[in-house]
Amino acid sequence: MQNDPTIPSILPQEFYNQPTLELAQSLLGCLLVKETPEGTAAGFIVETEAYMGAMDRAAHSFGNRRTKRTEVMFGESGMIYTYSMHTHTLVNVVSGGPDIPEAILIRAVEPYVGLDLMHERRGLPDVRKLTNGPGKLSKALGITMADYGHFFTEPPLYLTSGKQPEHISSGPRIGIGNSGEAKDYPWRFWVTGSPFISR
């Protein structure tokens, strides 16, 4: 974690053209960057959750449900899907390709750039708690519903290469208890041993 590090180059569109479960693991270690008028904040992704579209009861697009909210999920891989839950904004990477409404929730990041900004936005001294959850990381980085429908390949919200995790763990997704058998699918992935994951 540094205050003025260099940010690597933005990942190309082709990066997103891999199968969703593979992409969910490839995203681990990538740098999530958000530029705002107050400054730039960024963190290395340490936890993701894959949502497998029409056949996944936990996905917003289960049964190919197409609404104003889920419309972007039917778009190109690499698009930004933000949605509101309670008072939080959650950010997802659209995957699967056009008309295959899959997406990957970014659940936690390890703070890297703009720590002062993150502390200010979150009002917390403990760096481990700034971004250890999907709503927390959006608030810390300044991600909002205005990012919906843009691409992760261009500012202000984008992904760059980062640091390759040594080990990746997987297990059931969190907070989807009412989704039948889908609640047990091992489609949550995290950097093994990271102190910045959500739980």
C-alpha atoms as a PDB file:
ATOM      1  CA  MET A   1       0.000   0.000   0.000  1.00  0.00           C
ATOM      2  CA  GLN A   2       1.399   3.315  -1.104  1.00  0.00           C
ATOM      3  CA  ASN A   3       0.143   6.866  -1.411  1.00  0.00           C
ATOM      4  CA  ASP A   4       1.604   7.687  -4.804  1.00  0.00           C
ATOM      5  CA  PRO A   5       2.273   4.453  -6.706  1.00  0.00           C
ATOM      6  CA  THR A   6       2.139   4.068 -10.448  1.00  0.00           C
ATOM      7  CA  ILE A   7      -0.951   2.455 -11.935  1.00  0.00           C
ATOM      8  CA  PRO A   8      -0.361  -0.222 -14.614  1.00  0.00           C
ATOM      9  CA  SER A   9      -1.958  -0.079 -18.051  1.00  0.00           C
ATOM     10  CA  ILE A  10      -5.664  -0.846 -18.479  1.00  0.00           C
ATOM     11  CA  LEU A  11      -6.587  -4.452 -19.272  1.00  0.00           C
ATOM     12  CA  PRO A  12      -7.769  -4.961 -22.892  1.00  0.00           C
ATOM     13  CA  GLN A  13     -11.259  -6.010 -23.936  1.00  0.00           C
ATOM     14  CA  GLU A  14     -10.001  -9.535 -24.789  1.00  0.00           C
ATOM     15  CA  PHE A  15      -9.272 -10.183 -21.110  1.00  0.00           C
ATOM     16  CA  TYR A  16     -13.021 -10.362 -20.444  1.00  0.00           C
ATOM     17  CA  ASN A  17     -13.731 -12.936 -23.158  1.00  0.00           C
ATOM     18  CA  GLN A  18     -12.988 -15.942 -20.932  1.00  0.00           C
ATOM     19  CA  PRO A  19     -15.637 -18.194 -19.356  1.00  0.00           C
ATOM     20  CA  THR A  20     -17.247 -16.582 -16.292  1.00  0.00           C
ATOM     21  CA  LEU A  21     -15.882 -19.025 -13.687  1.00  0.00           C
ATOM     22  CA  GLU A  22     -12.368 -18.577 -15.108  1.00  0.00           C
ATOM     23  CA  LEU A  23     -12.726 -14.802 -15.303  1.00  0.00           C
ATOM     24  CA  ALA A  24     -13.890 -14.688 -11.671  1.00  0.00           C
ATOM     25  CA  GLN A  25     -10.519 -16.190 -10.707  1.00  0.00           C
ATOM     26  CA  SER A  26      -8.505 -14.143 -13.220  1.00  0.00           C
ATOM     27  CA  LEU A  27      -9.890 -10.958 -11.672  1.00  0.00           C
ATOM     28  CA  LEU A  28      -8.184 -11.792  -8.363  1.00  0.00           C
ATOM     29  CA  GLY A  29      -5.083  -9.648  -8.088  1.00  0.00           C
ATOM     30  CA  CYS A  30      -6.249  -7.156 -10.730  1.00  0.00           C
ATOM     31  CA  LEU A  31      -6.290  -3.491  -9.728  1.00  0.00           C
ATOM     32  CA  LEU A  32      -9.711  -1.809  -9.558  1.00  0.00           C
ATOM     33  CA  VAL A  33      -9.257   1.936 -10.129  1.00  0.00           C
ATOM     34  CA  LYS A  34     -11.743   4.806  -9.794  1.00  0.00           C
ATOM     35  CA  GLU A  35     -10.924   8.393 -10.733  1.00  0.00           C
ATOM     36  CA  THR A  36     -13.050  11.119  -9.140  1.00  0.00           C
ATOM     37  CA  PRO A  37     -12.743  14.922  -8.789  1.00  0.00           C
ATOM     38  CA  GLU A  38     -11.481  14.324  -5.199  1.00  0.00           C
ATOM     39  CA  GLY A  39      -8.696  12.054  -6.443  1.00  0.00           C
ATOM     40  CA  THR A  40      -7.965   8.485  -7.512  1.00  0.00           C
ATOM     41  CA  ALA A  41      -8.498   5.432  -5.316  1.00  0.00           C
ATOM     42  CA  ALA A  42      -7.625   1.840  -6.186  1.00  0.00           C
ATOM     43  CA  GLY A  43      -7.318  -1.621  -4.685  1.00  0.00           C
ATOM     44  CA  PHE A  44      -6.268  -5.130  -5.675  1.00  0.00           C
ATOM     45  CA  ILE A  45      -9.264  -7.460  -6.029  1.00  0.00           C
ATOM     46  CA  VAL A  46      -9.079 -10.207  -3.382  1.00  0.00           C
ATOM     47  CA  GLU A  47     -12.597 -11.697  -3.541  1.00  0.00           C
ATOM     48  CA  THR A  48     -15.186 -12.294  -6.276  1.00  0.00           C
ATOM     49  CA  GLU A  49     -18.470 -14.151  -6.773  1.00  0.00           C
ATOM     50  CA  ALA A  50     -19.693 -15.530 -10.104  1.00  0.00           C
ATOM     51  CA  TYR A  51     -23.362 -15.414 -11.109  1.00  0.00           C
ATOM     52  CA  MET A  52     -24.151 -17.754 -13.955  1.00  0.00           C
ATOM     53  CA  GLY A  53     -27.183 -16.180 -15.580  1.00  0.00           C
ATOM     54  CA  ALA A  54     -30.332 -17.972 -16.682  1.00  0.00           C
ATOM     55  CA  MET A  55     -29.685 -21.242 -14.812  1.00  0.00           C
ATOM     56  CA  ASP A  56     -28.476 -19.669 -11.560  1.00  0.00           C
ATOM     57  CA  ARG A  57     -31.257 -19.027  -9.035  1.00  0.00           C
ATOM     58  CA  ALA A  58     -29.039 -16.525  -7.214  1.00  0.00           C
ATOM     59  CA  ALA A  59     -28.488 -14.383 -10.330  1.00  0.00           C
ATOM     60  CA  HIS A  60     -30.579 -11.290 -11.030  1.00  0.00           C
ATOM     61  CA  SER A  61     -30.959 -12.650 -14.569  1.00  0.00           C
ATOM     62  CA  PHE A  62     -32.244 -16.094 -13.512  1.00  0.00           C
ATOM     63  CA  GLY A  63     -34.613 -17.427 -16.168  1.00  0.00           C
ATOM     64  CA  ASN A  64     -33.289 -14.730 -18.544  1.00  0.00           C
ATOM     65  CA  ARG A  65     -35.154 -12.084 -16.505  1.00  0.00           C
ATOM     66  CA  ARG A  66     -34.632  -8.849 -18.398  1.00  0.00           C
ATOM     67  CA  THR A  67     -35.410  -5.628 -16.548  1.00  0.00           C
ATOM     68  CA  LYS A  68     -34.156  -2.059 -16.565  1.00  0.00           C
ATOM     69  CA  ARG A  69     -31.727  -3.088 -13.823  1.00  0.00           C
ATOM     70  CA  THR A  70     -30.416  -6.265 -15.492  1.00  0.00           C
ATOM     71  CA  GLU A  71     -30.316  -4.961 -19.076  1.00  0.00           C
ATOM     72  CA  VAL A  72     -26.545  -4.404 -18.985  1.00  0.00           C
ATOM     73  CA  MET A  73     -26.027  -8.092 -18.074  1.00  0.00           C
ATOM     74  CA  PHE A  74     -27.159  -8.956 -21.606  1.00  0.00           C
ATOM     75  CA  GLY A  75     -24.425  -6.736 -23.062  1.00  0.00           C
ATOM     76  CA  GLU A  76     -20.773  -7.283 -23.881  1.00  0.00           C
ATOM     77  CA  SER A  77     -18.311  -8.800 -21.444  1.00  0.00           C
ATOM     78  CA  GLY A  78     -16.315  -6.149 -19.610  1.00  0.00           C
ATOM     79  CA  MET A  79     -19.245  -3.803 -19.058  1.00  0.00           C
ATOM     80  CA  ILE A  80     -19.981  -2.368 -15.602  1.00  0.00           C
ATOM     81  CA  TYR A  81     -23.091  -3.584 -13.770  1.00  0.00           C
ATOM     82  CA  THR A  82     -23.806  -1.522 -10.658  1.00  0.00           C
ATOM     83  CA  TYR A  83     -26.928  -1.928  -8.556  1.00  0.00           C
ATOM     84  CA  SER A  84     -28.222  -0.596  -5.260  1.00  0.00           C
ATOM     85  CA  MET A  85     -28.884  -2.781  -2.242  1.00  0.00           C
ATOM     86  CA  HIS A  86     -30.174  -1.023   0.869  1.00  0.00           C
ATOM     87  CA  THR A  87     -27.907   2.043   1.034  1.00  0.00           C
ATOM     88  CA  HIS A  88     -25.007   0.449  -0.841  1.00  0.00           C
ATOM     89  CA  THR A  89     -23.863   0.352  -4.455  1.00  0.00           C
ATOM     90  CA  LEU A  90     -22.442  -3.007  -5.571  1.00  0.00           C
ATOM     91  CA  VAL A  91     -20.202  -3.353  -8.621  1.00  0.00           C
ATOM     92  CA  ASN A  92     -20.051  -6.295 -11.041  1.00  0.00           C
ATOM     93  CA  VAL A  93     -18.119  -7.242 -14.175  1.00  0.00           C
ATOM     94  CA  VAL A  94     -20.456  -8.358 -16.970  1.00  0.00           C
ATOM     95  CA  SER A  95     -19.287 -11.665 -18.461  1.00  0.00           C
ATOM     96  CA  GLY A  96     -20.528 -14.462 -20.698  1.00  0.00           C
ATOM     97  CA  GLY A  97     -20.841 -12.358 -23.853  1.00  0.00           C
ATOM     98  CA  PRO A  98     -23.876 -10.728 -25.519  1.00  0.00           C
ATOM     99  CA  ASP A  99     -27.260 -12.224 -24.550  1.00  0.00           C
ATOM    100  CA  ILE A 100     -25.678 -14.551 -21.958  1.00  0.00           C
ATOM    101  CA  PRO A 101     -26.465 -12.580 -18.781  1.00  0.00           C
ATOM    102  CA  GLU A 102     -23.657 -13.600 -16.444  1.00  0.00           C
ATOM    103  CA  ALA A 103     -21.719 -11.328 -14.104  1.00  0.00           C
ATOM    104  CA  ILE A 104     -19.071 -11.328 -11.383  1.00  0.00           C
ATOM    105  CA  LEU A 105     -19.544  -9.405  -8.147  1.00  0.00           C
ATOM    106  CA  ILE A 106     -16.394  -7.765  -6.795  1.00  0.00           C
ATOM    107  CA  ARG A 107     -16.686  -8.536  -3.070  1.00  0.00           C
ATOM    108  CA  ALA A 108     -13.458  -7.120  -1.591  1.00  0.00           C
ATOM    109  CA  VAL A 109     -10.241  -5.335  -2.507  1.00  0.00           C
ATOM    110  CA  GLU A 110      -6.916  -4.678  -0.802  1.00  0.00           C
ATOM    111  CA  PRO A 111      -6.391  -0.885  -0.589  1.00  0.00           C
ATOM    112  CA  TYR A 112      -3.497   0.366  -2.725  1.00  0.00           C
ATOM    113  CA  VAL A 113      -3.950   3.965  -3.911  1.00  0.00           C
ATOM    114  CA  GLY A 114      -5.755   6.885  -2.255  1.00  0.00           C
ATOM    115  CA  LEU A 115      -5.776   5.610   1.319  1.00  0.00           C
ATOM    116  CA  ASP A 116      -6.457   9.064   2.781  1.00  0.00           C
ATOM    117  CA  LEU A 117      -9.480   9.383   0.500  1.00  0.00           C
ATOM    118  CA  MET A 118     -10.745   5.949   1.532  1.00  0.00           C
ATOM    119  CA  HIS A 119     -10.379   6.742   5.243  1.00  0.00           C
ATOM    120  CA  GLU A 120     -12.243  10.007   4.701  1.00  0.00           C
ATOM    121  CA  ARG A 121     -15.104   8.364   2.805  1.00  0.00           C
ATOM    122  CA  ARG A 122     -15.490   5.468   5.208  1.00  0.00           C
ATOM    123  CA  GLY A 123     -14.650   7.258   8.478  1.00  0.00           C
ATOM    124  CA  LEU A 124     -12.620   4.302   9.736  1.00  0.00           C
ATOM    125  CA  PRO A 125      -9.019   4.066  10.974  1.00  0.00           C
ATOM    126  CA  ASP A 126      -8.603   0.296  10.400  1.00  0.00           C
ATOM    127  CA  VAL A 127      -7.304  -0.226   6.852  1.00  0.00           C
ATOM    128  CA  ARG A 128      -8.536  -3.842   6.827  1.00  0.00           C
ATOM    129  CA  LYS A 129     -12.147  -2.708   7.203  1.00  0.00           C
ATOM    130  CA  LEU A 130     -12.157  -0.033   4.500  1.00  0.00           C
ATOM    131  CA  THR A 131     -12.919  -2.318   1.561  1.00  0.00           C
ATOM    132  CA  ASN A 132     -13.730  -5.785   2.986  1.00  0.00           C
ATOM    133  CA  GLY A 133     -17.220  -6.037   1.491  1.00  0.00           C
ATOM    134  CA  PRO A 134     -18.943  -5.134  -1.783  1.00  0.00           C
ATOM    135  CA  GLY A 135     -20.759  -2.060  -0.442  1.00  0.00           C
ATOM    136  CA  LYS A 136     -17.734  -0.914   1.554  1.00  0.00           C
ATOM    137  CA  LEU A 137     -15.343  -1.011  -1.400  1.00  0.00           C
ATOM    138  CA  SER A 138     -17.736   0.974  -3.605  1.00  0.00           C
ATOM    139  CA  LYS A 139     -18.030   3.702  -0.976  1.00  0.00           C
ATOM    140  CA  ALA A 140     -14.271   3.759  -0.341  1.00  0.00           C
ATOM    141  CA  LEU A 141     -13.406   3.984  -4.043  1.00  0.00           C
ATOM    142  CA  GLY A 142     -16.239   6.346  -4.990  1.00  0.00           C
ATOM    143  CA  ILE A 143     -18.080   3.900  -7.268  1.00  0.00           C
ATOM    144  CA  THR A 144     -21.695   4.983  -7.889  1.00  0.00           C
ATOM    145  CA  MET A 145     -24.739   4.123 -10.009  1.00  0.00           C
ATOM    146  CA  ALA A 146     -23.387   6.625 -12.560  1.00  0.00           C
ATOM    147  CA  ASP A 147     -20.798   3.976 -13.513  1.00  0.00           C
ATOM    148  CA  TYR A 148     -23.550   1.610 -14.754  1.00  0.00           C
ATOM    149  CA  GLY A 149     -23.260   0.564 -18.394  1.00  0.00           C
ATOM    150  CA  HIS A 150     -19.747   1.858 -19.008  1.00  0.00           C
ATOM    151  CA  PHE A 151     -16.774  -0.386 -19.803  1.00  0.00           C
ATOM    152  CA  PHE A 152     -13.979  -1.417 -17.435  1.00  0.00           C
ATOM    153  CA  THR A 153     -11.588  -0.645 -20.310  1.00  0.00           C
ATOM    154  CA  GLU A 154     -11.800   3.145 -19.936  1.00  0.00           C
ATOM    155  CA  PRO A 155     -11.781   5.762 -17.150  1.00  0.00           C
ATOM    156  CA  PRO A 156     -13.172   6.769 -14.740  1.00  0.00           C
ATOM    157  CA  LEU A 157     -13.711   3.168 -13.489  1.00  0.00           C
ATOM    158  CA  TYR A 158     -11.333   0.586 -14.913  1.00  0.00           C
ATOM    159  CA  LEU A 159      -9.246  -2.511 -14.296  1.00  0.00           C
ATOM    160  CA  THR A 160      -5.504  -2.927 -14.741  1.00  0.00           C
ATOM    161  CA  SER A 161      -3.077  -5.780 -14.310  1.00  0.00           C
ATOM    162  CA  GLY A 162      -1.933  -6.227 -10.731  1.00  0.00           C
ATOM    163  CA  LYS A 163      -0.286  -8.993  -8.765  1.00  0.00           C
ATOM    164  CA  GLN A 164      -0.880 -12.694  -9.364  1.00  0.00           C
ATOM    165  CA  PRO A 165      -2.224 -14.507  -6.282  1.00  0.00           C
ATOM    166  CA  GLU A 166      -0.146 -17.477  -5.102  1.00  0.00           C
ATOM    167  CA  HIS A 167      -3.211 -19.479  -4.054  1.00  0.00           C
ATOM    168  CA  ILE A 168      -6.946 -19.167  -4.724  1.00  0.00           C
ATOM    169  CA  SER A 169      -9.655 -20.615  -2.482  1.00  0.00           C
ATOM    170  CA  SER A 170     -13.289 -21.235  -3.405  1.00  0.00           C
ATOM    171  CA  GLY A 171     -16.529 -21.856  -1.551  1.00  0.00           C
ATOM    172  CA  PRO A 172     -20.254 -21.048  -1.456  1.00  0.00           C
ATOM    173  CA  ARG A 173     -21.423 -17.509  -2.155  1.00  0.00           C
ATOM    174  CA  ILE A 174     -22.615 -15.254   0.656  1.00  0.00           C
ATOM    175  CA  GLY A 175     -26.056 -13.879   1.461  1.00  0.00           C
ATOM    176  CA  ILE A 176     -28.119 -15.882  -1.032  1.00  0.00           C
ATOM    177  CA  GLY A 177     -29.846 -18.271   1.383  1.00  0.00           C
ATOM    178  CA  ASN A 178     -33.177 -18.225  -0.474  1.00  0.00           C
ATOM    179  CA  SER A 179     -31.797 -19.469  -3.802  1.00  0.00           C
ATOM    180  CA  GLY A 180     -32.346 -23.231  -3.439  1.00  0.00           C
ATOM    181  CA  GLU A 181     -29.483 -25.463  -4.537  1.00  0.00           C
ATOM    182  CA  ALA A 182     -27.653 -22.420  -5.956  1.00  0.00           C
ATOM    183  CA  LYS A 183     -26.667 -21.359  -2.432  1.00  0.00           C
ATOM    184  CA  ASP A 184     -24.188 -24.243  -2.286  1.00  0.00           C
ATOM    185  CA  TYR A 185     -22.394 -23.705  -5.604  1.00  0.00           C
ATOM    186  CA  PRO A 186     -18.682 -23.007  -4.889  1.00  0.00           C
ATOM    187  CA  TRP A 187     -18.615 -19.870  -7.026  1.00  0.00           C
ATOM    188  CA  ARG A 188     -17.010 -17.484  -4.553  1.00  0.00           C
ATOM    189  CA  PHE A 189     -13.266 -17.102  -5.051  1.00  0.00           C
ATOM    190  CA  TRP A 190     -10.718 -15.357  -2.862  1.00  0.00           C
ATOM    191  CA  VAL A 191      -6.988 -14.867  -2.441  1.00  0.00           C
ATOM    192  CA  THR A 192      -6.069 -17.466   0.163  1.00  0.00           C
ATOM    193  CA  GLY A 193      -4.968 -15.887   3.430  1.00  0.00           C
ATOM    194  CA  SER A 194      -5.777 -12.292   2.464  1.00  0.00           C
ATOM    195  CA  PRO A 195      -6.710 -10.202   5.529  1.00  0.00           C
ATOM    196  CA  PHE A 196      -8.908  -8.012   3.303  1.00  0.00           C
ATOM    197  CA  ILE A 197     -11.628 -10.494   2.295  1.00  0.00           C
ATOM    198  CA  SER A 198     -15.193  -9.900   3.444  1.00  0.00           C
ATOM    199  CA  ARG A 199     -15.432 -12.690   6.045  1.00  0.00           C
END
